[in-house]
Amino acid sequence: MTTMTRPPRAPEASKRPTKSSRHPRLRRTGHRRWTAPIGDLVIPRGIQVALWVWVSFNLLMAVWVGITSLKSDSEIFATPFGLPASPEWENFVSAWTVSGFGGVTLNTIVIVTVSASLTIALGAPAAYVLARSPRRWIAGVNTYTALCVALPVQTILVPLFIAKTEVHQFAVEILFGWWDDRITLVFIYVGTSLPFTIFLLTAAFKGLPSALPEAAALDGASPARTFWSIMMPVAWPAVKSAFVLNFLHMWNEALLVLVLISSPDQQTLPAALLRLYGTMQYNSNWGGLFAGVVIVIYPMILLYLWIGRRIMEGMTSGAVK
């Protein structure tokens, strides 16, 4: 009599996932979970509410400034929070012509665009070298760059003014009197903005895969060709973010302009706005002053609202590999 023996069954795999295979659970901050675009970072609801309140307050202030710029002086003080009975477009004409905002706007666009472009042209190659070089002293250079970012510009105003005076005298002698303080301002803008640009783009280039330059080297591409043709297009979001952030900073900067440029015709918009505010004690023109504020701040607000998300994506491109 033969007995049938059943072969032993393989142990069934546990249907419950192990602890290591589970996805990390996000901490709840309320009946909804709010996540930032970096990994599983959770932003608490309190911070979300505070940010929304702060953004709403600033947007309301910008709208109030725009509405007030269309009022007459008497209407501004009679109904400060009401709508204008009839828009006073003459305020913008006064700010653009009488206060000289027309020529100063062209100065600002040229100075800021040239300065931001030169900053990227010099900062991007330097950041790529700092990100890809294997030498030990590179870490010290990165530390020095971070310290320069933390250095406020107010601490170097006196050396900058002395250097500007010496450079102006030297350039006048060499170039037979042809020199412009706006060129000096461009150089100083580039020098003061390079540390931040290098610091930001170094993190972006470090986040790129090292296989890209290695494959280009195997194909016979030179380091310069690898940088301009391969690495720069890949890191273009971070480069655009650095350009826009430098553009915004230089557009709103007034301290260096007031210290380094004495001619009103060569100054930028923030300095012209401060000069217009200084004349208010002699000539009350509050509508024209608010119109000048609109001319200065509205282009940058619209620019940031248009590409704000791209700026954040570019700034965080090197945060997570």
Protein backbone atom coordinates (compact mmCIF):
# COMPACT_ATOMS: atom_id res chain seq x y z
CA MET A 1 0.00 0.00 0.00
CA THR A 2 1.50 3.21 -1.09
CA THR A 3 0.96 6.48 0.70
CA MET A 4 0.73 9.71 -1.22
CA THR A 5 2.84 12.45 0.26
CA ARG A 6 2.09 16.01 -0.65
CA PRO A 7 5.20 18.06 -1.36
CA PRO A 8 5.75 20.80 1.12
CA ARG A 9 4.36 24.12 -0.01
CA ALA A 10 6.56 27.12 -0.20
CA PRO A 11 5.72 29.63 2.45
CA GLU A 12 3.39 32.28 1.12
CA ALA A 13 4.77 35.71 0.89
CA SER A 14 3.34 38.01 3.44
CA LYS A 15 0.70 40.21 1.95
CA ARG A 16 1.48 42.95 4.40
CA PRO A 17 4.39 45.06 3.23
CA THR A 18 7.38 45.19 5.46
CA LYS A 19 8.23 48.31 7.33
CA SER A 20 11.11 49.09 5.01
CA SER A 21 8.94 48.81 1.87
CA ARG A 22 6.28 51.20 3.04
CA HIS A 23 6.28 54.72 1.77
CA PRO A 24 7.17 57.28 4.40
CA ARG A 25 4.01 58.71 5.85
CA LEU A 26 3.57 62.44 5.79
CA ARG A 27 2.74 64.21 9.00
CA ARG A 28 -0.73 65.67 8.91
CA THR A 29 -1.04 69.36 9.63
CA GLY A 30 -4.86 69.41 9.53
CA HIS A 31 -7.58 67.73 7.50
CA ARG A 32 -5.46 68.49 4.42
CA ARG A 33 -1.83 67.87 3.66
CA TRP A 34 0.17 70.68 2.10
CA THR A 35 3.40 69.62 0.43
CA ALA A 36 6.17 71.75 -1.00
CA PRO A 37 7.73 70.79 -4.35
CA ILE A 38 10.93 69.41 -2.74
CA GLY A 39 10.52 65.73 -1.90
CA ASP A 40 8.18 65.01 1.00
CA LEU A 41 8.63 68.34 2.74
CA VAL A 42 5.47 69.28 4.64
CA ILE A 43 4.58 72.91 5.26
CA PRO A 44 2.46 73.40 8.40
CA ARG A 45 -0.89 75.05 7.97
CA GLY A 46 0.09 77.94 10.25
CA ILE A 47 2.97 78.89 7.97
CA GLN A 48 0.69 78.55 4.95
CA VAL A 49 -1.83 80.95 6.49
CA ALA A 50 0.90 83.42 7.48
CA LEU A 51 2.33 83.40 3.95
CA TRP A 52 -1.09 83.92 2.38
CA VAL A 53 -1.79 86.84 4.74
CA TRP A 54 1.57 88.42 3.95
CA VAL A 55 1.18 88.02 0.19
CA SER A 56 -2.40 89.32 0.27
CA PHE A 57 -1.34 92.37 2.29
CA ASN A 58 1.44 93.23 -0.16
CA LEU A 59 -0.82 92.77 -3.18
CA LEU A 60 -3.50 94.94 -1.59
CA MET A 61 -0.91 97.64 -0.90
CA ALA A 62 0.21 97.50 -4.53
CA VAL A 63 -3.40 97.82 -5.71
CA TRP A 64 -3.97 100.73 -3.30
CA VAL A 65 -0.90 102.53 -4.64
CA GLY A 66 -2.18 102.06 -8.20
CA ILE A 67 -5.62 103.44 -7.30
CA THR A 68 -4.14 106.38 -5.38
CA SER A 69 -1.93 107.31 -8.33
CA LEU A 70 -5.10 108.15 -10.29
CA LYS A 71 -6.41 110.64 -7.71
CA SER A 72 -5.86 114.35 -7.21
CA ASP A 73 -4.17 115.62 -4.07
CA SER A 74 -7.43 116.73 -2.47
CA GLU A 75 -9.11 113.41 -3.27
CA ILE A 76 -6.20 111.44 -1.79
CA PHE A 77 -6.74 113.02 1.64
CA ALA A 78 -10.56 113.14 1.40
CA THR A 79 -11.12 109.47 0.44
CA PRO A 80 -7.78 107.65 0.87
CA PHE A 81 -9.32 104.18 0.40
CA GLY A 82 -12.01 105.00 -2.15
CA LEU A 83 -12.00 104.76 -5.92
CA PRO A 84 -11.13 107.88 -7.93
CA ALA A 85 -14.10 109.89 -9.16
CA SER A 86 -12.28 110.65 -12.43
CA PRO A 87 -8.84 109.15 -13.16
CA GLU A 88 -6.06 111.73 -13.13
CA TRP A 89 -3.76 110.43 -15.87
CA GLU A 90 -1.90 113.73 -15.70
CA ASN A 91 -0.11 112.36 -12.64
CA PHE A 92 1.77 109.88 -14.84
CA VAL A 93 2.50 112.58 -17.41
CA SER A 94 3.91 114.77 -14.64
CA ALA A 95 6.06 111.96 -13.24
CA TRP A 96 7.29 110.95 -16.70
CA THR A 97 8.14 114.42 -18.03
CA VAL A 98 8.45 116.98 -15.23
CA SER A 99 10.19 114.62 -12.79
CA GLY A 100 12.38 113.15 -15.52
CA PHE A 101 11.29 109.53 -15.20
CA GLY A 102 11.38 109.06 -18.97
CA GLY A 103 15.15 109.37 -19.40
CA VAL A 104 15.87 107.72 -16.07
CA THR A 105 13.81 104.68 -17.08
CA LEU A 106 16.02 104.18 -20.14
CA ASN A 107 19.10 104.51 -17.91
CA THR A 108 17.73 101.88 -15.56
CA ILE A 109 16.87 99.38 -18.29
CA VAL A 110 20.30 99.69 -19.94
CA ILE A 111 22.32 99.59 -16.71
CA VAL A 112 20.39 96.71 -15.17
CA THR A 113 20.26 94.59 -18.34
CA VAL A 114 23.97 94.98 -19.08
CA SER A 115 24.94 94.37 -15.45
CA ALA A 116 22.80 91.24 -15.07
CA SER A 117 24.03 89.84 -18.40
CA LEU A 118 27.70 90.39 -17.51
CA THR A 119 27.11 88.83 -14.10
CA ILE A 120 25.76 85.64 -15.70
CA ALA A 121 28.50 85.61 -18.36
CA LEU A 122 31.20 85.72 -15.67
CA GLY A 123 29.46 83.82 -12.88
CA ALA A 124 28.27 80.76 -14.80
CA PRO A 125 31.74 79.56 -15.96
CA ALA A 126 33.17 80.21 -12.50
CA ALA A 127 30.35 78.24 -10.87
CA TYR A 128 30.88 75.35 -13.29
CA VAL A 129 34.59 75.18 -12.42
CA LEU A 130 33.85 75.26 -8.69
CA ALA A 131 31.22 72.54 -9.07
CA ARG A 132 33.27 70.13 -11.22
CA SER A 133 36.88 70.67 -10.18
CA PRO A 134 38.27 67.86 -7.96
CA ARG A 135 40.96 70.00 -6.32
CA ARG A 136 40.93 70.43 -2.57
CA TRP A 137 41.21 74.20 -2.46
CA ILE A 138 37.83 74.49 -4.21
CA ALA A 139 36.07 73.96 -0.86
CA GLY A 140 37.85 77.02 0.52
CA VAL A 141 36.75 79.09 -2.48
CA ASN A 142 33.15 77.97 -1.97
CA THR A 143 33.33 79.00 1.68
CA TYR A 144 34.77 82.38 0.72
CA THR A 145 31.96 82.87 -1.82
CA ALA A 146 29.32 82.10 0.81
CA LEU A 147 30.92 84.63 3.18
CA CYS A 148 30.87 87.26 0.44
CA VAL A 149 27.14 86.62 -0.05
CA ALA A 150 26.55 87.31 3.64
CA LEU A 151 28.58 90.56 3.55
CA PRO A 152 26.24 93.60 3.42
CA VAL A 153 27.07 96.20 0.82
CA GLN A 154 26.92 98.97 3.44
CA THR A 155 30.22 97.75 4.91
CA ILE A 156 32.12 98.43 1.67
CA LEU A 157 30.59 101.77 0.66
CA VAL A 158 33.67 103.83 1.59
CA PRO A 159 36.14 101.55 -0.28
CA LEU A 160 33.79 101.51 -3.27
CA PHE A 161 33.58 105.30 -3.32
CA ILE A 162 37.38 105.65 -3.13
CA ALA A 163 37.83 103.06 -5.88
CA LYS A 164 35.22 104.80 -8.02
CA THR A 165 37.04 108.14 -7.65
CA GLU A 166 40.41 106.63 -8.56
CA VAL A 167 38.99 104.73 -11.53
CA HIS A 168 37.22 107.85 -12.77
CA GLN A 169 40.40 109.94 -12.67
CA PHE A 170 42.45 107.20 -14.34
CA ALA A 171 39.85 106.64 -17.06
CA VAL A 172 39.54 110.36 -17.79
CA GLU A 173 43.30 110.64 -18.26
CA ILE A 174 43.58 107.52 -20.43
CA LEU A 175 40.41 108.00 -22.50
CA PHE A 176 40.87 111.78 -22.98
CA GLY A 177 37.86 112.75 -20.91
CA TRP A 178 35.47 110.11 -22.25
CA TRP A 179 34.03 108.31 -19.26
CA ASP A 180 30.64 107.82 -17.71
CA ASP A 181 29.79 107.08 -14.10
CA ARG A 182 27.18 104.62 -15.33
CA ILE A 183 29.98 102.37 -16.58
CA THR A 184 31.48 102.42 -13.10
CA LEU A 185 28.08 101.53 -11.66
CA VAL A 186 27.83 98.55 -14.04
CA PHE A 187 31.22 97.25 -12.89
CA ILE A 188 30.27 97.63 -9.22
CA TYR A 189 26.91 95.93 -9.77
CA VAL A 190 28.66 93.01 -11.43
CA GLY A 191 31.24 92.75 -8.64
CA THR A 192 28.70 92.85 -5.83
CA SER A 193 26.33 90.38 -7.54
CA LEU A 194 28.90 87.76 -8.57
CA PRO A 195 29.13 85.98 -5.16
CA PHE A 196 25.40 85.27 -5.05
CA THR A 197 25.35 84.18 -8.70
CA ILE A 198 28.31 81.83 -8.24
CA PHE A 199 26.83 80.44 -5.02
CA LEU A 200 23.47 79.71 -6.68
CA LEU A 201 24.81 78.25 -9.92
CA THR A 202 27.43 76.12 -8.16
CA ALA A 203 24.64 74.23 -6.42
CA ALA A 204 22.80 73.88 -9.74
CA PHE A 205 25.83 72.46 -11.58
CA LYS A 206 26.55 70.07 -8.72
CA GLY A 207 23.05 68.66 -9.10
CA LEU A 208 23.61 67.70 -12.74
CA PRO A 209 24.70 64.13 -13.54
CA SER A 210 28.46 63.73 -13.97
CA ALA A 211 27.87 61.40 -16.94
CA LEU A 212 27.14 64.38 -19.20
CA PRO A 213 30.63 65.93 -19.23
CA GLU A 214 32.23 62.48 -19.20
CA ALA A 215 30.32 61.44 -22.33
CA ALA A 216 31.20 64.74 -24.01
CA ALA A 217 34.89 64.21 -23.20
CA LEU A 218 34.76 60.73 -24.75
CA ASP A 219 33.30 62.27 -27.91
CA GLY A 220 36.24 64.66 -28.10
CA ALA A 221 34.50 67.84 -26.94
CA SER A 222 36.68 70.46 -25.28
CA PRO A 223 35.81 71.68 -21.76
CA ALA A 224 34.58 74.99 -23.18
CA ARG A 225 32.41 73.23 -25.76
CA THR A 226 31.06 70.90 -23.06
CA PHE A 227 30.13 73.83 -20.87
CA TRP A 228 28.44 76.03 -23.48
CA SER A 229 26.78 73.32 -25.59
CA ILE A 230 25.79 70.71 -22.99
CA MET A 231 25.90 71.92 -19.39
CA MET A 232 24.50 75.42 -19.90
CA PRO A 233 21.34 74.26 -21.73
CA VAL A 234 20.69 71.66 -19.03
CA ALA A 235 21.20 74.21 -16.24
CA TRP A 236 19.26 76.91 -18.09
CA PRO A 237 16.39 77.13 -15.53
CA ALA A 238 18.87 77.98 -12.76
CA VAL A 239 20.68 80.44 -15.05
CA LYS A 240 17.40 82.22 -15.84
CA SER A 241 16.56 82.37 -12.15
CA ALA A 242 19.93 83.92 -11.35
CA PHE A 243 19.48 86.49 -14.13
CA VAL A 244 15.98 87.48 -12.99
CA LEU A 245 16.96 87.70 -9.32
CA ASN A 246 19.95 89.89 -10.16
CA PHE A 247 17.74 92.00 -12.42
CA LEU A 248 15.20 92.53 -9.62
CA HIS A 249 17.92 93.40 -7.10
CA MET A 250 19.65 95.89 -9.39
CA TRP A 251 16.35 97.47 -10.43
CA ASN A 252 15.39 98.17 -6.81
CA GLU A 253 18.87 99.22 -5.64
CA ALA A 254 19.24 102.91 -4.73
CA LEU A 255 22.04 103.21 -2.14
CA LEU A 256 24.95 102.61 -4.53
CA VAL A 257 23.38 104.91 -7.11
CA LEU A 258 23.08 107.78 -4.63
CA VAL A 259 26.66 107.31 -3.39
CA LEU A 260 28.40 106.77 -6.73
CA ILE A 261 26.41 108.94 -9.19
CA SER A 262 25.83 112.61 -8.49
CA SER A 263 24.27 113.62 -11.82
CA PRO A 264 20.46 113.18 -11.77
CA ASP A 265 20.44 112.43 -15.51
CA GLN A 266 22.59 109.33 -14.99
CA GLN A 267 20.77 107.87 -11.98
CA THR A 268 18.23 105.04 -11.93
CA LEU A 269 14.52 104.93 -11.10
CA PRO A 270 14.72 104.31 -7.31
CA ALA A 271 17.09 107.26 -6.89
CA ALA A 272 14.81 109.45 -9.02
CA LEU A 273 11.85 108.41 -6.86
CA LEU A 274 13.73 109.38 -3.69
CA ARG A 275 14.66 112.70 -5.28
CA LEU A 276 10.99 113.30 -6.16
CA TYR A 277 9.99 112.51 -2.58
CA GLY A 278 12.57 115.01 -1.33
CA THR A 279 10.90 117.80 -3.29
CA MET A 280 7.52 117.19 -1.65
CA GLN A 281 8.27 119.73 1.08
CA TYR A 282 8.45 122.47 -1.56
CA ASN A 283 5.83 121.27 -4.06
CA SER A 284 2.99 119.04 -2.90
CA ASN A 285 2.29 116.57 -5.71
CA TRP A 286 1.19 113.36 -4.03
CA GLY A 287 -0.53 112.04 -7.13
CA GLY A 288 2.68 112.38 -9.13
CA LEU A 289 4.63 110.71 -6.33
CA PHE A 290 2.30 107.68 -6.30
CA ALA A 291 2.49 107.57 -10.09
CA GLY A 292 6.28 107.41 -9.78
CA VAL A 293 5.95 104.54 -7.31
CA VAL A 294 3.76 102.68 -9.83
CA ILE A 295 6.36 103.22 -12.57
CA VAL A 296 9.08 101.80 -10.32
CA ILE A 297 7.39 98.79 -8.70
CA TYR A 298 4.69 97.58 -11.09
CA PRO A 299 7.02 96.23 -13.82
CA MET A 300 8.89 94.11 -11.28
CA ILE A 301 5.68 92.85 -9.63
CA LEU A 302 4.28 91.78 -12.99
CA LEU A 303 7.59 90.18 -13.96
CA TYR A 304 7.74 88.15 -10.77
CA LEU A 305 4.10 87.09 -10.98
CA TRP A 306 4.74 85.93 -14.55
CA ILE A 307 7.84 83.81 -13.91
CA GLY A 308 7.77 83.32 -10.14
CA ARG A 309 7.28 79.55 -10.34
CA ARG A 310 10.14 79.19 -12.82
CA ILE A 311 12.39 81.15 -10.48
CA MET A 312 11.67 78.78 -7.60
CA GLU A 313 12.22 75.73 -9.82
CA GLY A 314 15.56 77.11 -10.92
CA MET A 315 16.67 77.94 -7.39
CA THR A 316 15.84 74.44 -6.15
CA SER A 317 17.27 72.62 -9.19
CA GLY A 318 20.47 71.82 -7.31
CA ALA A 319 18.83 71.02 -3.98
CA VAL A 320 17.87 67.42 -4.76
CA LYS A 321 19.88 65.15 -7.06
